Protein backbone atom coordinates (compact mmCIF):
# COMPACT_ATOMS: atom_id res chain seq x y z
CA UNK A 1 -56.42 -73.61 -106.88
CA UNK A 2 -55.98 -72.30 -110.24
CA UNK A 3 -58.83 -72.91 -113.31
CA UNK A 4 -57.72 -75.54 -116.26
CA UNK A 5 -58.66 -75.32 -119.33
CA UNK A 6 -58.52 -78.71 -121.81
CA UNK A 7 -58.54 -78.70 -125.14
CA UNK A 8 -61.20 -80.48 -127.05
CA UNK A 9 -58.63 -82.10 -129.89
CA UNK A 10 -56.03 -83.94 -127.95
CA UNK A 11 -57.63 -84.00 -124.50
CA UNK A 12 -54.39 -81.71 -123.17
CA UNK A 13 -54.71 -80.17 -119.51
CA UNK A 14 -53.24 -76.84 -119.77
CA UNK A 15 -52.74 -74.34 -116.35
CA UNK A 16 -54.33 -71.35 -117.22
CA UNK A 17 -52.68 -68.43 -115.33
CA UNK A 18 -54.26 -65.37 -114.36
CA UNK A 19 -53.12 -61.83 -115.42
CA UNK A 20 -50.20 -60.08 -114.12
CA UNK A 21 -50.32 -57.00 -113.58
CA UNK A 22 -47.92 -54.97 -115.09
CA UNK A 23 -44.89 -53.70 -113.17
CA UNK A 24 -45.50 -50.14 -112.11
CA UNK A 25 -42.57 -47.84 -113.37
CA UNK A 26 -41.44 -45.12 -111.51
CA UNK A 27 -42.57 -41.90 -111.76
CA UNK A 28 -40.51 -38.48 -111.82
CA UNK A 29 -42.54 -35.30 -111.43
CA UNK A 30 -40.87 -32.20 -112.28
CA UNK A 31 -41.84 -28.95 -111.15
CA UNK A 32 -40.62 -25.77 -112.96
CA UNK A 33 -42.23 -22.02 -112.97
CA UNK A 34 -41.65 -22.08 -116.89
CA UNK A 35 -42.25 -24.62 -119.66
CA UNK A 36 -39.95 -22.51 -121.77
CA UNK A 37 -36.54 -23.32 -119.03
CA UNK A 38 -37.89 -26.31 -118.44
CA UNK A 39 -37.38 -26.74 -122.32
CA UNK A 40 -33.86 -25.13 -122.58
CA UNK A 41 -32.73 -26.42 -119.85
CA UNK A 42 -33.98 -29.58 -117.93
CA UNK A 43 -34.77 -31.57 -121.59
CA UNK A 44 -31.85 -34.27 -121.58
CA UNK A 45 -32.19 -35.42 -118.43
CA UNK A 46 -36.27 -35.92 -118.93
CA UNK A 47 -35.76 -37.78 -122.21
CA UNK A 48 -32.74 -39.74 -120.08
CA UNK A 49 -34.63 -40.78 -117.41
CA UNK A 50 -38.09 -41.40 -119.87
CA UNK A 51 -35.15 -44.18 -121.58
CA UNK A 52 -34.01 -45.73 -118.38
CA UNK A 53 -37.70 -46.39 -117.66
CA UNK A 54 -39.55 -43.43 -115.82
CA UNK A 55 -42.77 -42.03 -116.44
CA UNK A 56 -41.86 -38.36 -116.76
CA UNK A 57 -44.95 -35.53 -115.65
CA UNK A 58 -43.82 -32.41 -116.29
CA UNK A 59 -45.77 -29.90 -114.10
CA UNK A 60 -45.18 -25.85 -115.28
CA UNK A 61 -46.97 -23.04 -116.63
CA UNK A 62 -47.45 -23.51 -120.00
CA UNK A 63 -47.31 -20.89 -122.78
CA UNK A 64 -44.91 -21.55 -125.66
CA UNK A 65 -43.68 -25.36 -125.25
CA UNK A 66 -47.05 -27.83 -124.46
CA UNK A 67 -47.12 -29.60 -127.29
CA UNK A 68 -43.26 -29.94 -127.85
CA UNK A 69 -43.41 -31.60 -124.01
CA UNK A 70 -46.22 -33.96 -124.81
CA UNK A 71 -44.80 -35.16 -127.91
CA UNK A 72 -41.24 -36.11 -126.05
CA UNK A 73 -43.96 -38.25 -124.40
CA UNK A 74 -44.08 -36.86 -120.91
CA UNK A 75 -47.38 -35.79 -119.27
CA UNK A 76 -48.27 -31.99 -118.62
CA UNK A 77 -49.70 -30.76 -116.00
CA UNK A 78 -50.41 -26.95 -116.84
CA UNK A 79 -50.24 -24.63 -113.96
CA UNK A 80 -51.73 -21.19 -113.39
CA UNK A 81 -48.48 -19.70 -111.56
CA UNK A 82 -45.13 -17.37 -112.91
CA UNK A 83 -42.01 -17.00 -111.40
CA UNK A 84 -42.84 -13.82 -109.54
CA UNK A 85 -45.69 -11.50 -108.73
CA UNK A 86 -48.12 -14.02 -107.81
CA UNK A 87 -49.12 -12.43 -104.22
CA UNK A 88 -50.84 -13.99 -101.04
CA UNK A 89 -53.96 -15.11 -102.58
CA UNK A 90 -52.07 -16.28 -106.06
CA UNK A 91 -49.50 -18.02 -103.66
CA UNK A 92 -51.62 -19.46 -101.59
CA UNK A 93 -53.56 -21.02 -104.71
CA UNK A 94 -50.13 -22.84 -105.96
CA UNK A 95 -49.63 -23.97 -102.98
CA UNK A 96 -52.95 -25.93 -102.57
CA UNK A 97 -52.84 -26.56 -106.33
CA UNK A 98 -49.53 -28.51 -105.89
CA UNK A 99 -50.12 -30.06 -102.78
CA UNK A 100 -53.70 -31.81 -104.84
CA UNK A 101 -51.51 -32.56 -107.97
CA UNK A 102 -49.25 -34.11 -105.05
CA UNK A 103 -51.64 -36.52 -103.94
CA UNK A 104 -53.11 -37.05 -107.27
CA UNK A 105 -49.60 -37.64 -108.71
CA UNK A 106 -48.16 -39.69 -105.93
CA UNK A 107 -44.61 -39.14 -107.74
CA UNK A 108 -42.00 -41.69 -105.66
CA UNK A 109 -39.43 -38.41 -106.82
CA UNK A 110 -39.55 -34.56 -108.04
CA UNK A 111 -37.22 -33.00 -109.23
CA UNK A 112 -37.39 -29.19 -107.48
CA UNK A 113 -35.72 -26.60 -110.64
CA UNK A 114 -35.18 -22.79 -109.25
CA UNK A 115 -35.71 -21.29 -105.91
CA UNK A 116 -39.76 -20.98 -106.28
CA UNK A 117 -40.16 -24.55 -107.19
CA UNK A 118 -37.88 -25.63 -104.37
CA UNK A 119 -39.62 -23.38 -101.62
CA UNK A 120 -43.37 -23.56 -102.82
CA UNK A 121 -42.66 -27.98 -103.77
CA UNK A 122 -41.20 -28.60 -100.16
CA UNK A 123 -44.01 -27.40 -98.33
CA UNK A 124 -46.93 -28.89 -100.83
CA UNK A 125 -45.23 -32.22 -100.13
CA UNK A 126 -45.49 -31.44 -96.29
CA UNK A 127 -49.16 -30.29 -96.68
CA UNK A 128 -50.06 -33.41 -99.34
CA UNK A 129 -48.63 -36.55 -97.30
CA UNK A 130 -48.19 -34.63 -92.99
CA UNK A 131 -47.62 -38.04 -91.61
CA UNK A 132 -44.70 -38.64 -94.21
CA UNK A 133 -46.38 -41.63 -95.69
CA UNK A 134 -46.17 -41.56 -99.51
CA UNK A 135 -43.89 -38.37 -99.37
CA UNK A 136 -41.65 -38.28 -102.77
CA UNK A 137 -37.75 -38.01 -102.56
CA UNK A 138 -36.85 -34.42 -103.89
CA UNK A 139 -33.80 -32.90 -105.72
CA UNK A 140 -33.71 -29.24 -105.14
CA UNK A 141 -32.15 -27.96 -107.84
CA UNK A 142 -30.78 -24.40 -107.28
CA UNK A 143 -28.43 -21.53 -109.35
CA UNK A 144 -27.24 -18.44 -108.52
CA UNK A 145 -27.68 -18.56 -104.65
CA UNK A 146 -24.03 -16.87 -103.51
CA UNK A 147 -25.09 -13.43 -104.24
CA UNK A 148 -28.68 -13.89 -102.70
CA UNK A 149 -27.56 -15.52 -99.67
CA UNK A 150 -24.62 -12.58 -98.76
CA UNK A 151 -25.40 -11.17 -95.59
CA UNK A 152 -25.41 -7.57 -97.46
CA UNK A 153 -28.34 -8.59 -100.00
CA UNK A 154 -31.88 -7.49 -98.91
CA UNK A 155 -33.35 -11.10 -100.47
CA UNK A 156 -30.79 -11.92 -97.38
CA UNK A 157 -31.84 -9.64 -94.69
CA UNK A 158 -35.44 -10.72 -95.28
CA UNK A 159 -35.39 -14.24 -96.14
CA UNK A 160 -32.20 -15.52 -95.04
CA UNK A 161 -34.09 -18.04 -92.17
CA UNK A 162 -37.08 -18.97 -93.92
CA UNK A 163 -34.94 -19.61 -96.72
CA UNK A 164 -32.32 -21.76 -95.36
CA UNK A 165 -35.48 -23.54 -92.99
CA UNK A 166 -37.20 -24.52 -96.85
CA UNK A 167 -34.12 -25.91 -98.11
CA UNK A 168 -33.47 -28.12 -95.63
CA UNK A 169 -36.77 -29.84 -95.50
CA UNK A 170 -36.68 -29.50 -99.02
CA UNK A 171 -33.66 -32.24 -99.00
CA UNK A 172 -34.47 -34.49 -95.69
CA UNK A 173 -35.48 -36.73 -98.09
CA UNK A 174 -33.43 -35.97 -101.20
CA UNK A 175 -30.74 -33.59 -102.31
CA UNK A 176 -29.65 -30.38 -103.38
CA UNK A 177 -27.82 -30.00 -107.10
CA UNK A 178 -25.65 -26.83 -107.34
CA UNK A 179 -23.81 -25.89 -110.61
CA UNK A 180 -20.82 -24.21 -109.14
CA UNK A 181 -18.68 -24.41 -105.63
CA UNK A 182 -19.91 -21.03 -104.17
CA UNK A 183 -23.94 -21.91 -104.05
CA UNK A 184 -22.61 -25.19 -102.47
CA UNK A 185 -20.63 -23.15 -100.10
CA UNK A 186 -23.96 -21.18 -99.69
CA UNK A 187 -26.26 -24.26 -98.82
CA UNK A 188 -24.35 -25.28 -96.19
CA UNK A 189 -23.58 -21.79 -94.45
CA UNK A 190 -27.73 -22.16 -94.76
CA UNK A 191 -27.59 -24.97 -92.63
CA UNK A 192 -28.24 -27.73 -95.15
CA UNK A 193 -25.63 -31.03 -94.27
CA UNK A 194 -22.70 -31.19 -96.84
CA UNK A 195 -23.78 -34.83 -97.55
CA UNK A 196 -26.73 -33.53 -98.48
CA UNK A 197 -25.31 -30.70 -101.56
CA UNK A 198 -24.36 -32.45 -104.79
CA UNK A 199 -22.30 -30.77 -107.24
CA UNK A 200 -23.15 -31.30 -111.06
CA UNK A 201 -21.99 -28.19 -113.44
CA UNK A 202 -24.12 -26.82 -115.63
CA UNK A 203 -27.36 -28.65 -117.39
CA UNK A 204 -25.33 -29.88 -120.42
CA UNK A 205 -24.82 -28.88 -123.89
CA UNK A 206 -25.80 -30.95 -126.89
CA UNK A 207 -22.03 -30.38 -129.02
CA UNK A 208 -23.54 -32.30 -131.47
CA UNK A 209 -25.82 -29.16 -132.65
CA UNK A 210 -23.21 -26.80 -131.18
CA UNK A 211 -20.94 -27.28 -133.74
CA UNK A 212 -17.78 -25.50 -134.76
CA UNK A 213 -18.04 -22.61 -137.12
CA UNK A 214 -15.66 -20.44 -138.88
CA UNK A 215 -15.29 -16.79 -137.85
CA UNK A 216 -17.89 -14.77 -139.61
CA UNK A 217 -15.95 -12.14 -142.41
CA UNK A 218 -15.67 -8.60 -142.69
CA UNK A 219 -13.90 -5.32 -140.76
CA UNK A 220 -16.04 -5.16 -138.79
CA UNK A 221 -16.11 -7.45 -135.52
CA UNK A 222 -19.35 -8.64 -134.21
CA UNK A 223 -19.99 -9.61 -129.89
CA UNK A 224 -22.56 -11.16 -128.78
CA UNK A 225 -24.89 -10.93 -125.20
CA UNK A 226 -27.66 -14.03 -125.36
CA UNK A 227 -29.75 -13.88 -122.46
CA UNK A 228 -33.09 -12.03 -121.09
CA UNK A 229 -32.37 -8.63 -121.11
CA UNK A 230 -31.71 -7.80 -117.59
CA UNK A 231 -29.79 -5.17 -116.21
CA UNK A 232 -27.92 -7.49 -113.83
CA UNK A 233 -27.23 -9.69 -117.01
CA UNK A 234 -25.00 -6.88 -117.93
CA UNK A 235 -26.56 -5.22 -120.96
CA UNK A 236 -26.20 -1.86 -120.62
CA UNK A 237 -22.27 -2.58 -119.30
CA UNK A 238 -22.03 -4.43 -122.70
CA UNK A 239 -23.64 -1.48 -124.91
CA UNK A 240 -21.17 1.21 -122.74
CA UNK A 241 -17.86 -0.75 -123.47
CA UNK A 242 -18.54 -1.22 -127.12
CA UNK A 243 -19.78 2.32 -127.31
CA UNK A 244 -16.79 3.26 -125.80
CA UNK A 245 -14.19 1.24 -128.44
CA UNK A 246 -16.34 2.67 -131.35
CA UNK A 247 -15.64 6.04 -129.97
CA UNK A 248 -12.25 4.79 -130.27
CA UNK A 249 -12.56 4.30 -133.68
CA UNK A 250 -12.61 0.74 -133.68
CA UNK A 251 -14.47 -1.80 -136.05
CA UNK A 252 -16.80 -2.90 -133.27
CA UNK A 253 -20.64 -3.86 -132.95
CA UNK A 254 -22.70 -5.54 -130.37
CA UNK A 255 -25.59 -7.94 -130.91
CA UNK A 256 -28.55 -8.23 -127.99
CA UNK A 257 -30.23 -11.79 -128.78
CA UNK A 258 -32.86 -12.18 -125.81
CA UNK A 259 -36.29 -11.40 -124.83
CA UNK A 260 -37.37 -8.98 -122.02
CA UNK A 261 -38.98 -10.29 -119.01
CA UNK A 262 -41.49 -9.08 -117.85
CA UNK A 263 -41.90 -10.94 -114.78
CA UNK A 264 -38.66 -9.67 -113.71
CA UNK A 265 -38.34 -6.09 -111.72
CA UNK A 266 -35.13 -6.07 -113.24
CA UNK A 267 -35.62 -6.42 -117.15
CA UNK A 268 -35.13 -3.50 -119.94
CA UNK A 269 -38.05 -2.62 -121.23
CA UNK A 270 -38.70 -2.70 -124.73
CA UNK A 271 -38.55 1.22 -124.65
CA UNK A 272 -35.33 1.00 -122.78
CA UNK A 273 -33.94 -1.22 -125.37
CA UNK A 274 -35.06 1.12 -128.36
CA UNK A 275 -32.85 3.85 -126.88
CA UNK A 276 -30.07 1.50 -126.37
CA UNK A 277 -30.29 0.27 -129.56
CA UNK A 278 -30.96 4.16 -131.71
CA UNK A 279 -27.65 5.08 -132.34
CA UNK A 280 -25.38 2.63 -134.87
CA UNK A 281 -23.43 -0.65 -133.55
CA UNK A 282 -25.45 -2.16 -131.10
CA UNK A 283 -29.07 -3.96 -132.47
CA UNK A 284 -31.42 -5.82 -130.64
CA UNK A 285 -32.74 -9.18 -132.07
CA UNK A 286 -35.07 -9.88 -129.41
CA UNK A 287 -35.93 -14.18 -128.81
CA UNK A 288 -33.61 -16.08 -131.25
CA UNK A 289 -35.15 -19.19 -131.99
CA UNK A 290 -31.53 -21.26 -132.94
CA UNK A 291 -28.51 -19.05 -131.13
CA UNK A 292 -26.30 -20.60 -133.62
CA UNK A 293 -27.62 -17.96 -135.67
CA UNK A 294 -26.21 -15.45 -133.08
CA UNK A 295 -22.41 -17.14 -133.23
CA UNK A 296 -22.53 -17.06 -137.29
CA UNK A 297 -22.97 -13.32 -137.04
CA UNK A 298 -20.70 -12.99 -133.80
CA UNK A 299 -16.81 -14.17 -133.30
CA UNK A 300 -16.96 -13.21 -129.04
CA UNK A 301 -19.51 -14.57 -126.75
CA UNK A 302 -20.17 -11.18 -123.82
CA UNK A 303 -22.03 -11.77 -120.47
CA UNK A 304 -21.20 -8.61 -118.12
CA UNK A 305 -23.69 -10.85 -115.35
CA UNK A 306 -22.98 -8.67 -111.63
CA UNK A 307 -24.83 -11.51 -109.65
CA UNK A 308 -23.75 -15.12 -109.32
CA UNK A 309 -25.20 -17.55 -111.95
CA UNK A 310 -24.76 -21.23 -112.09
CA UNK A 311 -23.57 -22.02 -114.72
CA UNK A 312 -24.29 -19.96 -117.74
CA UNK A 313 -25.32 -21.83 -120.51
CA UNK A 314 -25.34 -19.73 -123.04
CA UNK A 315 -21.55 -19.39 -122.48
CA UNK A 316 -21.26 -22.65 -122.82
CA UNK A 317 -22.83 -23.10 -126.08
CA UNK A 318 -21.00 -20.41 -127.41
CA UNK A 319 -17.51 -21.82 -126.34
CA UNK A 320 -18.93 -25.20 -128.48
CA UNK A 321 -19.77 -23.43 -131.46
CA UNK A 322 -15.47 -22.17 -131.14
CA UNK A 323 -16.22 -18.80 -129.60
CA UNK A 324 -14.03 -16.90 -127.45
CA UNK A 325 -16.25 -15.72 -123.97
CA UNK A 326 -15.60 -12.09 -122.09
CA UNK A 327 -17.74 -12.59 -118.72
CA UNK A 328 -17.75 -11.27 -115.10
CA UNK A 329 -15.45 -12.87 -112.41
CA UNK A 330 -18.65 -14.08 -111.36
CA UNK A 331 -19.63 -17.30 -109.81
CA UNK A 332 -20.88 -19.84 -112.94
CA UNK A 333 -19.01 -17.83 -115.17
CA UNK A 334 -15.86 -18.97 -113.27
CA UNK A 335 -16.94 -22.67 -114.36
CA UNK A 336 -17.67 -21.88 -118.00
CA UNK A 337 -15.10 -19.57 -118.23
CA UNK A 338 -10.98 -20.91 -118.01
CA UNK A 339 -9.21 -17.57 -117.62
CA UNK A 340 -6.82 -16.51 -119.87
CA UNK A 341 -7.34 -20.36 -121.95
CA UNK A 342 -10.52 -20.59 -123.13
CA UNK A 343 -11.78 -16.31 -122.53
CA UNK A 344 -11.55 -13.63 -120.44
CA UNK A 345 -12.72 -12.61 -116.44
CA UNK A 346 -13.17 -8.93 -115.97
CA UNK A 347 -14.97 -7.47 -112.45
CA UNK A 348 -18.41 -6.90 -112.21
CA UNK A 349 -19.89 -3.06 -112.85
CA UNK A 350 -16.00 -2.36 -114.49
CA UNK A 351 -17.23 -0.93 -118.10
CA UNK A 352 -12.88 -0.27 -118.27
CA UNK A 353 -11.93 -3.21 -118.04
CA UNK A 354 -14.81 -5.30 -119.99
CA UNK A 355 -13.87 -2.23 -123.01
CA UNK A 356 -10.29 -3.44 -122.70
CA UNK A 357 -10.45 -7.20 -123.12
CA UNK A 358 -12.48 -6.68 -126.00
CA UNK A 359 -10.57 -4.73 -127.60
CA UNK A 360 -7.79 -7.12 -127.03
CA UNK A 361 -9.54 -10.08 -128.77
CA UNK A 362 -10.42 -7.26 -131.31
CA UNK A 363 -7.02 -6.89 -132.58
CA UNK A 364 -6.00 -10.36 -131.53
CA UNK A 365 -7.79 -12.98 -134.08
CA UNK A 366 -4.67 -15.49 -133.10
CA UNK A 367 -5.54 -15.02 -129.35
CA UNK A 368 -9.63 -15.53 -129.76
CA UNK A 369 -9.74 -18.03 -131.86
CA UNK A 370 -6.72 -19.93 -130.16
CA UNK A 371 -9.37 -19.82 -126.93
CA UNK A 372 -11.95 -20.79 -129.05
CA UNK A 373 -10.92 -23.92 -129.99
CA UNK A 374 -10.19 -24.58 -126.55
CA UNK A 375 -13.28 -23.31 -125.31
CA UNK A 376 -14.51 -26.63 -127.58
CA UNK A 377 -12.71 -28.45 -126.24
CA UNK A 378 -13.41 -27.59 -122.63
CA UNK A 379 -17.78 -28.68 -123.26
CA UNK A 380 -16.37 -32.04 -124.88
CA UNK A 381 -14.33 -32.63 -121.80
CA UNK A 382 -17.05 -31.50 -119.26
CA UNK A 383 -19.92 -29.98 -120.16
CA UNK A 384 -21.51 -32.35 -122.52
CA UNK A 385 -25.16 -32.91 -121.83
CA UNK A 386 -24.89 -36.85 -122.01
CA UNK A 387 -22.57 -36.36 -118.71
CA UNK A 388 -24.61 -34.10 -116.99
CA UNK A 389 -27.77 -36.36 -117.49
CA UNK A 390 -25.33 -39.72 -116.33
CA UNK A 391 -25.00 -37.66 -112.61
CA UNK A 392 -28.17 -36.91 -112.66
CA UNK A 393 -30.01 -40.31 -113.00
CA UNK A 394 -27.36 -41.88 -110.81
CA UNK A 395 -28.77 -39.35 -107.97
CA UNK A 396 -31.53 -40.45 -109.07
CA UNK A 397 -31.58 -44.11 -108.59
CA UNK A 398 -29.31 -43.17 -104.98
CA UNK A 399 -32.29 -41.32 -103.50
CA UNK A 400 -34.99 -43.90 -104.21
CA UNK A 401 -32.96 -46.89 -103.28
CA UNK A 402 -32.77 -44.39 -99.70
CA UNK A 403 -36.36 -43.54 -99.66
CA UNK A 404 -37.07 -47.18 -100.24
CA UNK A 405 -34.91 -48.18 -97.28
CA UNK A 406 -37.01 -46.10 -95.26
CA UNK A 407 -40.44 -47.35 -96.27
């Protein structure tokens, strides 16, 4: 029987209802190696999920963006891991920590961002919930798989079977998200069911922040490569192409914008970059807080990457600023560049073709400006962050419905 309350003044009897527990919000956990990568590539989706009513938790190695992540209203769970170089003991410790995190947080859905979180997060979910009860739905976001799973690559020879197993396991109660068709085909070859593979092209660009910029004035035209300073991003090739053009008398210079990456064996050292920039015509800016500063100085974006990308966000940001793009004809870059319309694709490792493409654009301002306008229109039409967030939220709801039905 419910308790009764009687008012002294009027004798009215009022039913006093027991307090109702607030409805539990669905919990979304992002598992990311580095806080800077979450901030640069997953923030729009996390904001959209928060605004849709999710409780958002971010588990990552914290270096520079911890306070910014907390200020968004997300809970932050620092992890003591790195993208590479943890060793066997470090890897074991990471799995123990992730399993404890899963049991403590009991997320409804986990968004695993890039290969290490996919591998470790998938294993940790099995360790935390060995019988399957309470195991979260999982979204495995993977990029650049086309080259990694190529039969000739060392990664493929050593780990194709293990990687395929981990990916199949991770998406059994969720989905794998790829950013380009080549990555989707690589996943299917590794045994992931095609019905579990979803194409969402890129991480999204804020087209209100990145707006068309006028071409920089001056007789010397500037080209910019924005990326981590990796050999596989084509940094040495871009330097070699610009040096060749300068030797031929063309008024051109190159800006390199981005940090070194000590956790990556492919990274150029600061000493190597100092050597590359020792002669006139090449400048290294290091990490840049607002990349629009680069596109105020540079009229052409270049990325002669020598391995498959997801969809390079730096190229989409450049295009959003009205910059023509020259990139390697590789997976991911093909998504960001419409050859002959918004930019030029050149064979990877081909310095001659890269120099020729840059030279033609330097000498034809009307063409590069028309391509820049077309690139801006492409980003608005196909790569805006709102569209990417909508697709991702729809995917969250689909896998949560499946999880609910299975339970």
